[in-house]
């Protein structure tokens, strides 16, 4: 079954087996689709899956929203094709989901690398289907240190992570990263659950998504975003330091609203569920935000 109302620039994807969308390069993207009403689409972070959005999806679904989330290629239950981990292809995967499910007036909610995918989608395909976006723990605009980005992550730190940690002892890296990821408040059992999800992610996807992220520069693209934008970010985020990411992203997107969470780390949507859910509901409902 081919989608209707497909954007001109997007190759036609199709519905595959139940719960899957098949892309033009033969990748099966797993998705979940709950309810009816105004649609919210969730994009997961690096090494995460659509499962991790369940607390936002359950809450918003109870409030009358249709909630859709999908696993990026190489993550969760989606195919592990060993290719397509550049932002252009990941944005095309998002376009495939929106097109096949015939979604309009969508709120996109992304975490971490998912915010980069949202940005590239808007750059390549425009905002015709998109009503608003929310960025949580964003890694935009650019992470790598450069002459015009002196506060970025040095090459040697990136190389050490890729070659000595990710490519040699990923479980050990996860164990040492739980504290910085959750901050001072790790919900009971949450670290074990997320470790299982991360360890089930394709090693190739982990490596290539990391390379794409470290090489990306979204500064120019962010200035062209033309939909209402909410940014939620913890001031104890070690993975994506507030000053390097969220504050600069907010300054680049016209009219963006940044809400900083005190004493909160990268996993804010899991450690501060009630607050994140309330902020998202208020944003999607169009109420005035303080």
C-alpha atoms as a PDB file:
ATOM      1  CA  UNK A   1       0.000   0.000   0.000  1.00  0.00           C
ATOM      2  CA  UNK A   2       1.487   3.301  -1.099  1.00  0.00           C
ATOM      3  CA  UNK A   3       1.026   6.500   0.878  1.00  0.00           C
ATOM      4  CA  UNK A   4      -1.061   9.345  -0.446  1.00  0.00           C
ATOM      5  CA  UNK A   5      -0.123  13.024  -0.287  1.00  0.00           C
ATOM      6  CA  UNK A   6       3.583  12.243  -0.425  1.00  0.00           C
ATOM      7  CA  UNK A   7       5.894  15.253  -0.480  1.00  0.00           C
ATOM      8  CA  UNK A   8       7.424  15.696  -3.922  1.00  0.00           C
ATOM      9  CA  UNK A   9      11.007  15.314  -2.797  1.00  0.00           C
ATOM     10  CA  UNK A  10      10.449  12.086  -0.868  1.00  0.00           C
ATOM     11  CA  UNK A  11      10.825   8.660  -2.520  1.00  0.00           C
ATOM     12  CA  UNK A  12       7.658   6.643  -2.017  1.00  0.00           C
ATOM     13  CA  UNK A  13       7.852   4.277   0.948  1.00  0.00           C
ATOM     14  CA  UNK A  14       5.249   1.610   1.706  1.00  0.00           C
ATOM     15  CA  UNK A  15       3.574  -0.179   4.569  1.00  0.00           C
ATOM     16  CA  UNK A  16       5.317  -3.478   5.239  1.00  0.00           C
ATOM     17  CA  UNK A  17       4.392  -6.144   7.751  1.00  0.00           C
ATOM     18  CA  UNK A  18       2.089  -4.929  10.546  1.00  0.00           C
ATOM     19  CA  UNK A  19       3.946  -2.347  12.599  1.00  0.00           C
ATOM     20  CA  UNK A  20       6.606  -1.670   9.974  1.00  0.00           C
ATOM     21  CA  UNK A  21       7.245   0.831   7.196  1.00  0.00           C
ATOM     22  CA  UNK A  22       9.485  -0.263   4.327  1.00  0.00           C
ATOM     23  CA  UNK A  23      11.779   2.397   2.900  1.00  0.00           C
ATOM     24  CA  UNK A  24      12.958   2.622  -0.691  1.00  0.00           C
ATOM     25  CA  UNK A  25      16.329   1.121   0.298  1.00  0.00           C
ATOM     26  CA  UNK A  26      14.566  -1.907   1.803  1.00  0.00           C
ATOM     27  CA  UNK A  27      14.858  -1.000   5.467  1.00  0.00           C
ATOM     28  CA  UNK A  28      11.976  -1.953   7.757  1.00  0.00           C
ATOM     29  CA  UNK A  29      11.261   0.779  10.312  1.00  0.00           C
ATOM     30  CA  UNK A  30       9.308  -0.407  13.346  1.00  0.00           C
ATOM     31  CA  UNK A  31       6.677   2.038  14.566  1.00  0.00           C
ATOM     32  CA  UNK A  32       3.935   2.233  17.167  1.00  0.00           C
ATOM     33  CA  UNK A  33       0.792   4.280  16.595  1.00  0.00           C
ATOM     34  CA  UNK A  34      -1.540   4.948  19.517  1.00  0.00           C
ATOM     35  CA  UNK A  35      -4.908   6.651  19.360  1.00  0.00           C
ATOM     36  CA  UNK A  36      -6.535   9.333  17.232  1.00  0.00           C
ATOM     37  CA  UNK A  37      -6.479  13.108  17.277  1.00  0.00           C
ATOM     38  CA  UNK A  38      -3.776  15.709  16.737  1.00  0.00           C
ATOM     39  CA  UNK A  39      -0.545  13.808  16.135  1.00  0.00           C
ATOM     40  CA  UNK A  40       2.707  13.861  18.068  1.00  0.00           C
ATOM     41  CA  UNK A  41       5.669  11.980  16.569  1.00  0.00           C
ATOM     42  CA  UNK A  42       8.603  11.032  18.796  1.00  0.00           C
ATOM     43  CA  UNK A  43      12.232  10.574  17.694  1.00  0.00           C
ATOM     44  CA  UNK A  44      14.558   8.714  20.027  1.00  0.00           C
ATOM     45  CA  UNK A  45      18.128   9.472  20.922  1.00  0.00           C
ATOM     46  CA  UNK A  46      21.321   7.582  20.110  1.00  0.00           C
ATOM     47  CA  UNK A  47      21.295   3.947  21.362  1.00  0.00           C
ATOM     48  CA  UNK A  48      17.657   4.311  22.423  1.00  0.00           C
ATOM     49  CA  UNK A  49      14.390   3.010  20.972  1.00  0.00           C
ATOM     50  CA  UNK A  50      10.775   4.078  20.748  1.00  0.00           C
ATOM     51  CA  UNK A  51      10.139   2.173  24.000  1.00  0.00           C
ATOM     52  CA  UNK A  52      11.794   4.971  25.966  1.00  0.00           C
ATOM     53  CA  UNK A  53       9.043   7.434  25.010  1.00  0.00           C
ATOM     54  CA  UNK A  54       6.292   5.369  26.637  1.00  0.00           C
ATOM     55  CA  UNK A  55       5.768   7.742  29.581  1.00  0.00           C
ATOM     56  CA  UNK A  56       5.212  10.751  27.319  1.00  0.00           C
ATOM     57  CA  UNK A  57       3.098   8.736  24.883  1.00  0.00           C
ATOM     58  CA  UNK A  58       0.871   7.287  27.587  1.00  0.00           C
ATOM     59  CA  UNK A  59       0.266  10.718  29.098  1.00  0.00           C
ATOM     60  CA  UNK A  60      -0.436  12.550  25.863  1.00  0.00           C
ATOM     61  CA  UNK A  61      -2.548   9.699  24.526  1.00  0.00           C
ATOM     62  CA  UNK A  62      -4.703   9.934  27.646  1.00  0.00           C
ATOM     63  CA  UNK A  63      -5.114  13.645  26.884  1.00  0.00           C
ATOM     64  CA  UNK A  64      -6.581  12.886  23.457  1.00  0.00           C
ATOM     65  CA  UNK A  65      -3.507  12.984  21.219  1.00  0.00           C
ATOM     66  CA  UNK A  66      -2.428  10.443  18.635  1.00  0.00           C
ATOM     67  CA  UNK A  67       1.108   9.369  19.526  1.00  0.00           C
ATOM     68  CA  UNK A  68       3.517   7.818  17.020  1.00  0.00           C
ATOM     69  CA  UNK A  69       7.097   6.717  17.637  1.00  0.00           C
ATOM     70  CA  UNK A  70       9.504   4.709  15.517  1.00  0.00           C
ATOM     71  CA  UNK A  71      12.884   3.046  15.899  1.00  0.00           C
ATOM     72  CA  UNK A  72      15.706   4.545  13.870  1.00  0.00           C
ATOM     73  CA  UNK A  73      17.412   2.130  11.503  1.00  0.00           C
ATOM     74  CA  UNK A  74      19.779  -0.107  13.452  1.00  0.00           C
ATOM     75  CA  UNK A  75      17.907   0.621  16.687  1.00  0.00           C
ATOM     76  CA  UNK A  76      15.195  -1.309  18.501  1.00  0.00           C
ATOM     77  CA  UNK A  77      13.152  -3.515  16.190  1.00  0.00           C
ATOM     78  CA  UNK A  78      14.060  -1.742  12.942  1.00  0.00           C
ATOM     79  CA  UNK A  79      16.357  -3.306  10.347  1.00  0.00           C
ATOM     80  CA  UNK A  80      20.131  -3.260  10.740  1.00  0.00           C
ATOM     81  CA  UNK A  81      21.163  -2.465   7.139  1.00  0.00           C
ATOM     82  CA  UNK A  82      24.724  -1.376   7.933  1.00  0.00           C
ATOM     83  CA  UNK A  83      24.234   1.856   6.008  1.00  0.00           C
ATOM     84  CA  UNK A  84      22.215   5.061   5.936  1.00  0.00           C
ATOM     85  CA  UNK A  85      23.344   6.606   9.216  1.00  0.00           C
ATOM     86  CA  UNK A  86      23.926  10.054   7.739  1.00  0.00           C
ATOM     87  CA  UNK A  87      21.454  12.794   8.630  1.00  0.00           C
ATOM     88  CA  UNK A  88      20.062  13.029   5.092  1.00  0.00           C
ATOM     89  CA  UNK A  89      19.021   9.380   5.141  1.00  0.00           C
ATOM     90  CA  UNK A  90      17.734   9.508   8.714  1.00  0.00           C
ATOM     91  CA  UNK A  91      15.644  12.555   7.753  1.00  0.00           C
ATOM     92  CA  UNK A  92      14.329  10.617   4.763  1.00  0.00           C
ATOM     93  CA  UNK A  93      13.292   7.826   7.131  1.00  0.00           C
ATOM     94  CA  UNK A  94      11.296  10.359   9.165  1.00  0.00           C
ATOM     95  CA  UNK A  95       9.703  11.608   5.945  1.00  0.00           C
ATOM     96  CA  UNK A  96       8.764   8.029   5.072  1.00  0.00           C
ATOM     97  CA  UNK A  97       6.969   7.613   8.401  1.00  0.00           C
ATOM     98  CA  UNK A  98       5.070  10.878   8.008  1.00  0.00           C
ATOM     99  CA  UNK A  99       4.130  10.140   4.408  1.00  0.00           C
ATOM    100  CA  UNK A 100       3.076   6.515   4.736  1.00  0.00           C
ATOM    101  CA  UNK A 101       0.933   7.256   7.792  1.00  0.00           C
ATOM    102  CA  UNK A 102      -0.421  10.362   6.002  1.00  0.00           C
ATOM    103  CA  UNK A 103       0.291  12.625   8.958  1.00  0.00           C
ATOM    104  CA  UNK A 104      -0.401  16.363   8.875  1.00  0.00           C
ATOM    105  CA  UNK A 105      -0.162  19.207  11.426  1.00  0.00           C
ATOM    106  CA  UNK A 106       2.358  17.132  13.361  1.00  0.00           C
ATOM    107  CA  UNK A 107       4.244  18.020  16.521  1.00  0.00           C
ATOM    108  CA  UNK A 108       7.744  16.502  16.332  1.00  0.00           C
ATOM    109  CA  UNK A 109       9.420  15.688  19.651  1.00  0.00           C
ATOM    110  CA  UNK A 110      13.065  14.657  19.550  1.00  0.00           C
ATOM    111  CA  UNK A 111      15.721  13.740  22.075  1.00  0.00           C
ATOM    112  CA  UNK A 112      19.471  14.157  21.546  1.00  0.00           C
ATOM    113  CA  UNK A 113      20.403  13.061  17.994  1.00  0.00           C
ATOM    114  CA  UNK A 114      16.690  13.014  17.160  1.00  0.00           C
ATOM    115  CA  UNK A 115      16.798  16.818  17.277  1.00  0.00           C
ATOM    116  CA  UNK A 116      19.373  16.775  14.501  1.00  0.00           C
ATOM    117  CA  UNK A 117      17.128  14.525  12.433  1.00  0.00           C
ATOM    118  CA  UNK A 118      14.236  16.953  12.915  1.00  0.00           C
ATOM    119  CA  UNK A 119      16.415  19.869  11.837  1.00  0.00           C
ATOM    120  CA  UNK A 120      17.593  18.093   8.686  1.00  0.00           C
ATOM    121  CA  UNK A 121      14.035  17.007   7.869  1.00  0.00           C
ATOM    122  CA  UNK A 122      12.845  20.619   7.977  1.00  0.00           C
ATOM    123  CA  UNK A 123      15.812  21.670   5.844  1.00  0.00           C
ATOM    124  CA  UNK A 124      15.195  19.046   3.161  1.00  0.00           C
ATOM    125  CA  UNK A 125      11.408  18.751   3.134  1.00  0.00           C
ATOM    126  CA  UNK A 126      10.062  21.931   4.673  1.00  0.00           C
ATOM    127  CA  UNK A 127       7.420  22.413   7.344  1.00  0.00           C
ATOM    128  CA  UNK A 128       4.326  21.632   5.287  1.00  0.00           C
ATOM    129  CA  UNK A 129       3.399  18.695   7.512  1.00  0.00           C
ATOM    130  CA  UNK A 130       4.822  20.131  10.736  1.00  0.00           C
ATOM    131  CA  UNK A 131       2.935  22.339  13.200  1.00  0.00           C
ATOM    132  CA  UNK A 132       5.600  22.673  15.894  1.00  0.00           C
ATOM    133  CA  UNK A 133       8.728  20.973  17.256  1.00  0.00           C
ATOM    134  CA  UNK A 134      10.113  20.196  20.700  1.00  0.00           C
ATOM    135  CA  UNK A 135      13.802  19.491  21.292  1.00  0.00           C
ATOM    136  CA  UNK A 136      14.840  17.680  24.483  1.00  0.00           C
ATOM    137  CA  UNK A 137      18.521  17.389  25.379  1.00  0.00           C
ATOM    138  CA  UNK A 138      19.425  18.595  21.906  1.00  0.00           C
ATOM    139  CA  UNK A 139      22.891  18.035  20.441  1.00  0.00           C
ATOM    140  CA  UNK A 140      22.529  20.856  17.918  1.00  0.00           C
ATOM    141  CA  UNK A 141      24.020  23.062  16.559  1.00  0.00           C
ATOM    142  CA  UNK A 142      27.525  21.480  16.425  1.00  0.00           C
ATOM    143  CA  UNK A 143      29.566  19.381  18.813  1.00  0.00           C
ATOM    144  CA  UNK A 144      33.097  19.188  17.402  1.00  0.00           C
ATOM    145  CA  UNK A 145      35.664  21.798  18.373  1.00  0.00           C
ATOM    146  CA  UNK A 146      36.753  24.063  15.518  1.00  0.00           C
ATOM    147  CA  UNK A 147      38.174  27.525  14.985  1.00  0.00           C
ATOM    148  CA  UNK A 148      34.638  28.943  14.884  1.00  0.00           C
ATOM    149  CA  UNK A 149      33.417  26.564  17.617  1.00  0.00           C
ATOM    150  CA  UNK A 150      36.181  26.781  20.240  1.00  0.00           C
ATOM    151  CA  UNK A 151      34.082  25.342  23.079  1.00  0.00           C
ATOM    152  CA  UNK A 152      33.273  22.138  21.206  1.00  0.00           C
ATOM    153  CA  UNK A 153      34.493  18.628  21.905  1.00  0.00           C
ATOM    154  CA  UNK A 154      38.198  18.174  20.981  1.00  0.00           C
ATOM    155  CA  UNK A 155      39.145  15.672  18.266  1.00  0.00           C
ATOM    156  CA  UNK A 156      41.185  13.582  20.690  1.00  0.00           C
ATOM    157  CA  UNK A 157      38.200  13.125  23.014  1.00  0.00           C
ATOM    158  CA  UNK A 158      35.981  12.084  20.113  1.00  0.00           C
ATOM    159  CA  UNK A 159      38.580   9.662  18.776  1.00  0.00           C
ATOM    160  CA  UNK A 160      39.125   8.111  22.202  1.00  0.00           C
ATOM    161  CA  UNK A 161      35.406   7.519  22.659  1.00  0.00           C
ATOM    162  CA  UNK A 162      35.022   5.955  19.221  1.00  0.00           C
ATOM    163  CA  UNK A 163      38.132   3.769  19.147  1.00  0.00           C
ATOM    164  CA  UNK A 164      38.786   2.878  22.788  1.00  0.00           C
ATOM    165  CA  UNK A 165      35.295   2.822  24.265  1.00  0.00           C
ATOM    166  CA  UNK A 166      32.582   2.305  21.655  1.00  0.00           C
ATOM    167  CA  UNK A 167      34.657  -0.036  19.461  1.00  0.00           C
ATOM    168  CA  UNK A 168      36.311  -1.979  22.296  1.00  0.00           C
ATOM    169  CA  UNK A 169      34.176  -1.963  25.448  1.00  0.00           C
ATOM    170  CA  UNK A 170      30.740  -0.459  24.951  1.00  0.00           C
ATOM    171  CA  UNK A 171      29.245  -2.234  28.002  1.00  0.00           C
ATOM    172  CA  UNK A 172      32.007  -0.750  30.139  1.00  0.00           C
ATOM    173  CA  UNK A 173      31.365   2.704  28.738  1.00  0.00           C
ATOM    174  CA  UNK A 174      27.652   2.370  29.528  1.00  0.00           C
ATOM    175  CA  UNK A 175      28.410   1.391  33.091  1.00  0.00           C
ATOM    176  CA  UNK A 176      30.546   4.484  33.576  1.00  0.00           C
ATOM    177  CA  UNK A 177      28.059   6.777  31.857  1.00  0.00           C
ATOM    178  CA  UNK A 178      24.944   5.984  33.889  1.00  0.00           C
ATOM    179  CA  UNK A 179      25.653   8.668  36.472  1.00  0.00           C
ATOM    180  CA  UNK A 180      26.233  11.497  33.986  1.00  0.00           C
ATOM    181  CA  UNK A 181      23.247  10.377  31.880  1.00  0.00           C
ATOM    182  CA  UNK A 182      20.749  10.309  34.737  1.00  0.00           C
ATOM    183  CA  UNK A 183      22.320  12.890  37.010  1.00  0.00           C
ATOM    184  CA  UNK A 184      21.497  12.764  40.700  1.00  0.00           C
ATOM    185  CA  UNK A 185      18.171  10.930  40.335  1.00  0.00           C
ATOM    186  CA  UNK A 186      18.126   7.529  38.695  1.00  0.00           C
ATOM    187  CA  UNK A 187      14.663   5.955  38.890  1.00  0.00           C
ATOM    188  CA  UNK A 188      14.794   2.426  40.320  1.00  0.00           C
ATOM    189  CA  UNK A 189      15.393  -0.123  37.572  1.00  0.00           C
ATOM    190  CA  UNK A 190      15.657   2.516  34.843  1.00  0.00           C
ATOM    191  CA  UNK A 191      19.410   2.106  34.318  1.00  0.00           C
ATOM    192  CA  UNK A 192      19.053  -1.661  33.834  1.00  0.00           C
ATOM    193  CA  UNK A 193      16.250  -1.193  31.319  1.00  0.00           C
ATOM    194  CA  UNK A 194      18.139   1.415  29.274  1.00  0.00           C
ATOM    195  CA  UNK A 195      21.316  -0.672  29.366  1.00  0.00           C
ATOM    196  CA  UNK A 196      19.399  -3.551  27.784  1.00  0.00           C
ATOM    197  CA  UNK A 197      18.066  -1.265  25.065  1.00  0.00           C
ATOM    198  CA  UNK A 198      21.485   0.245  24.333  1.00  0.00           C
ATOM    199  CA  UNK A 199      23.231  -3.127  24.182  1.00  0.00           C
ATOM    200  CA  UNK A 200      20.648  -4.379  21.671  1.00  0.00           C
ATOM    201  CA  UNK A 201      21.486  -1.526  19.278  1.00  0.00           C
ATOM    202  CA  UNK A 202      23.539  -2.307  16.170  1.00  0.00           C
ATOM    203  CA  UNK A 203      27.230  -1.603  16.713  1.00  0.00           C
ATOM    204  CA  UNK A 204      27.449  -0.232  13.192  1.00  0.00           C
ATOM    205  CA  UNK A 205      24.553   2.133  13.875  1.00  0.00           C
ATOM    206  CA  UNK A 206      26.184   3.310  17.106  1.00  0.00           C
ATOM    207  CA  UNK A 207      29.478   4.023  15.388  1.00  0.00           C
ATOM    208  CA  UNK A 208      28.162   5.681  12.240  1.00  0.00           C
ATOM    209  CA  UNK A 209      25.523   7.759  14.047  1.00  0.00           C
ATOM    210  CA  UNK A 210      28.260   8.975  16.400  1.00  0.00           C
ATOM    211  CA  UNK A 211      30.450   9.972  13.473  1.00  0.00           C
ATOM    212  CA  UNK A 212      27.571  11.758  11.769  1.00  0.00           C
ATOM    213  CA  UNK A 213      26.735  13.618  14.957  1.00  0.00           C
ATOM    214  CA  UNK A 214      30.274  14.748  15.653  1.00  0.00           C
ATOM    215  CA  UNK A 215      30.729  15.996  12.077  1.00  0.00           C
ATOM    216  CA  UNK A 216      27.374  17.775  11.784  1.00  0.00           C
ATOM    217  CA  UNK A 217      26.989  21.547  11.770  1.00  0.00           C
ATOM    218  CA  UNK A 218      23.367  22.702  11.930  1.00  0.00           C
ATOM    219  CA  UNK A 219      24.009  26.381  12.604  1.00  0.00           C
ATOM    220  CA  UNK A 220      22.764  27.645   9.259  1.00  0.00           C
ATOM    221  CA  UNK A 221      19.864  25.182   9.104  1.00  0.00           C
ATOM    222  CA  UNK A 222      18.511  26.194  12.492  1.00  0.00           C
ATOM    223  CA  UNK A 223      18.083  29.810  11.371  1.00  0.00           C
ATOM    224  CA  UNK A 224      15.586  28.647   8.730  1.00  0.00           C
ATOM    225  CA  UNK A 225      13.225  26.797  11.074  1.00  0.00           C
ATOM    226  CA  UNK A 226       9.832  28.457  10.728  1.00  0.00           C
ATOM    227  CA  UNK A 227       7.607  26.629  13.208  1.00  0.00           C
ATOM    228  CA  UNK A 228       7.119  27.217  16.965  1.00  0.00           C
ATOM    229  CA  UNK A 229       9.944  25.553  18.866  1.00  0.00           C
ATOM    230  CA  UNK A 230      10.275  24.465  22.480  1.00  0.00           C
ATOM    231  CA  UNK A 231      13.651  23.427  23.872  1.00  0.00           C
ATOM    232  CA  UNK A 232      13.871  21.553  27.191  1.00  0.00           C
ATOM    233  CA  UNK A 233      17.351  21.023  28.606  1.00  0.00           C
ATOM    234  CA  UNK A 234      19.003  20.140  31.890  1.00  0.00           C
ATOM    235  CA  UNK A 235      21.736  22.384  33.263  1.00  0.00           C
ATOM    236  CA  UNK A 236      23.689  19.271  34.384  1.00  0.00           C
ATOM    237  CA  UNK A 237      23.686  17.679  30.939  1.00  0.00           C
ATOM    238  CA  UNK A 238      27.184  16.243  30.416  1.00  0.00           C
ATOM    239  CA  UNK A 239      26.371  14.585  27.081  1.00  0.00           C
ATOM    240  CA  UNK A 240      25.160  17.871  25.552  1.00  0.00           C
ATOM    241  CA  UNK A 241      26.342  20.792  27.703  1.00  0.00           C
ATOM    242  CA  UNK A 242      23.708  23.495  27.984  1.00  0.00           C
ATOM    243  CA  UNK A 243      25.884  26.379  26.793  1.00  0.00           C
ATOM    244  CA  UNK A 244      27.248  24.447  23.814  1.00  0.00           C
ATOM    245  CA  UNK A 245      23.899  23.109  22.630  1.00  0.00           C
ATOM    246  CA  UNK A 246      20.514  24.322  23.880  1.00  0.00           C
ATOM    247  CA  UNK A 247      21.341  27.976  24.468  1.00  0.00           C
ATOM    248  CA  UNK A 248      23.007  28.318  21.079  1.00  0.00           C
ATOM    249  CA  UNK A 249      20.200  26.420  19.376  1.00  0.00           C
ATOM    250  CA  UNK A 250      17.611  28.693  20.992  1.00  0.00           C
ATOM    251  CA  UNK A 251      19.525  31.759  19.850  1.00  0.00           C
ATOM    252  CA  UNK A 252      19.555  30.521  16.248  1.00  0.00           C
ATOM    253  CA  UNK A 253      15.904  29.446  15.861  1.00  0.00           C
ATOM    254  CA  UNK A 254      13.595  32.435  15.417  1.00  0.00           C
ATOM    255  CA  UNK A 255      11.244  32.737  18.388  1.00  0.00           C
ATOM    256  CA  UNK A 256      12.393  29.532  20.102  1.00  0.00           C
ATOM    257  CA  UNK A 257      11.449  29.054  23.761  1.00  0.00           C
ATOM    258  CA  UNK A 258      14.127  27.520  26.013  1.00  0.00           C
ATOM    259  CA  UNK A 259      13.233  26.062  29.409  1.00  0.00           C
ATOM    260  CA  UNK A 260      16.223  25.079  31.539  1.00  0.00           C
ATOM    261  CA  UNK A 261      15.805  22.357  34.161  1.00  0.00           C
ATOM    262  CA  UNK A 262      17.945  22.919  37.250  1.00  0.00           C
ATOM    263  CA  UNK A 263      20.056  19.972  38.464  1.00  0.00           C
ATOM    264  CA  UNK A 264      18.843  17.752  35.607  1.00  0.00           C
ATOM    265  CA  UNK A 265      20.973  15.716  33.185  1.00  0.00           C
ATOM    266  CA  UNK A 266      20.557  14.303  29.653  1.00  0.00           C
ATOM    267  CA  UNK A 267      17.773  11.826  30.460  1.00  0.00           C
ATOM    268  CA  UNK A 268      15.317  14.530  31.512  1.00  0.00           C
ATOM    269  CA  UNK A 269      12.301  12.858  29.890  1.00  0.00           C
ATOM    270  CA  UNK A 270      12.891   9.806  32.113  1.00  0.00           C
ATOM    271  CA  UNK A 271      14.070  11.434  35.336  1.00  0.00           C
ATOM    272  CA  UNK A 272      11.576  14.342  35.280  1.00  0.00           C
ATOM    273  CA  UNK A 273       8.573  12.717  33.643  1.00  0.00           C
ATOM    274  CA  UNK A 274       5.859  14.862  35.227  1.00  0.00           C
ATOM    275  CA  UNK A 275       7.538  18.150  34.400  1.00  0.00           C
ATOM    276  CA  UNK A 276       8.405  17.179  30.832  1.00  0.00           C
ATOM    277  CA  UNK A 277       4.880  15.871  30.242  1.00  0.00           C
ATOM    278  CA  UNK A 278       3.348  19.064  31.597  1.00  0.00           C
ATOM    279  CA  UNK A 279       5.613  21.269  29.466  1.00  0.00           C
ATOM    280  CA  UNK A 280       4.891  19.255  26.330  1.00  0.00           C
ATOM    281  CA  UNK A 281       1.148  19.280  26.942  1.00  0.00           C
ATOM    282  CA  UNK A 282       1.161  23.009  27.548  1.00  0.00           C
ATOM    283  CA  UNK A 283       3.202  23.599  24.387  1.00  0.00           C
ATOM    284  CA  UNK A 284       1.033  21.383  22.211  1.00  0.00           C
ATOM    285  CA  UNK A 285      -2.132  22.825  23.708  1.00  0.00           C
ATOM    286  CA  UNK A 286      -1.078  26.307  22.699  1.00  0.00           C
ATOM    287  CA  UNK A 287      -1.353  27.755  26.195  1.00  0.00           C
ATOM    288  CA  UNK A 288       0.850  30.584  27.331  1.00  0.00           C
ATOM    289  CA  UNK A 289       4.125  29.353  28.809  1.00  0.00           C
ATOM    290  CA  UNK A 290       5.758  31.166  31.697  1.00  0.00           C
END
